[in-house]
Amino acid sequence: MLAEIAAIAVTPGPLAARAQALLEPLGRLLHFDAAWISLLDPERRVQAPLVSRGHPDRVRHYMNSTGHVDDIERLGLHQDRVPMRVKDMPVAPSELPAWADYLYPAGFGEGIAVPLTTPDGRYLGMFATTTETSTPSSDAVRDQLAALAPLIAHAVDPMNTLTALADLVTAATAGVVLTHAGNTQPLTGLTEHQLLAPGSAVLHKATACMTSGDQHAAFLATDHARDGLRRYLKATVLACPTLPPGHWRAVILLSPAGDLHGLTHRELRILGQLIAGWTHPRITDHLRLPRHALLAAVENVRTKLGAPTRDAAVIRAADQGLYLPPAPTRR
């Protein structure tokens, strides 16, 4: 069974398909009349089932509610790694809405649940089963389920998809995942960076790219090192595929800037302003440049990028991420 579940865990395809496939070998380990595998969306506070089998609609509706998350937290299932049977609950089932108001009335009498936690300590969700009888699973079955829980977690961990997406940027040295609420979460395998801290200009620009419908964007960011020297990093923004539990929006990666074609800091700023749609008068006023100096700078950019026209140079810079976006306007 261990090998079978391990094989399912690395099978390509949607998370829901892997979750569905897991129920067959797990059903040979322990008898159940209903089962589900759920993933937590911490921002909406719901732990919706990735797969659910054998539950009436009323129970499934409750499993998609914040009340269900409250029950899980009250039991400590989001922190403990040990499978919990109804008989092991620290709270009487009659005091827990999930059982008192939904599972018992639906005809279920016992069950077992195990939290799904990754090796780096991330709580993903839960695998749980219920039976119509009131006979609990044996201690041996409980211990076997505890041993299988890390494999189940690996099989349904959506972070695996995001790390594969991040691998497309081979030189990435830091990265985070941006959520729909504007928060960030660490990206497994990559360090965090001050340029990716909440409220940073990089996150502001990445959010703007996603809001405008971009699936991919790249731009430069200035990294002021301790030695006082100005360095550049390239920020790459990749839209997340539609994945349960649904709160992730984009992967943001930092990598070496690469060849800047001799573009100066001022030229990189001007390119960012032109790409943002700024007019020449606005740019000259902002940078305190005479008009002829701005035109000369744009001509230098055209030459350095080997573009036939100034407009083509701006498009090429946008495509290659060779620009510094304007600082976000702060109210």
Foldseek 3Di string as FASTA:
>chain_A
DLVVLLVLLPDDDALLVSQVVVCVVLCVLDPFQKKFWWFADVVQQATQTSDIPRFDPVLNVVNGDNLVSVLCVVQPQQPDQFKDKQVRGPDNLCPRCSRVVGVVVRQWAMKIKGFQAEPVGDTTTIIMGTHNDNDYDDPVSRVVCSVCRPSSNSSNPCLVVVVVVVVVVVQFAAKWWAWPVGDTHGRPPHHHDPCPDRPHQLSVVLVVCVVVPDQKFKAKDWDQDPVRDIAIWMKIWGADDQHPVGGTGIMITTGHLPDLLPQDQLLQALLQCVVVPHDLVVSCVVVVHPSVVSVVSLVVLCVSVVHPDSVRSSVVCRVSRNHDHDGDDDD
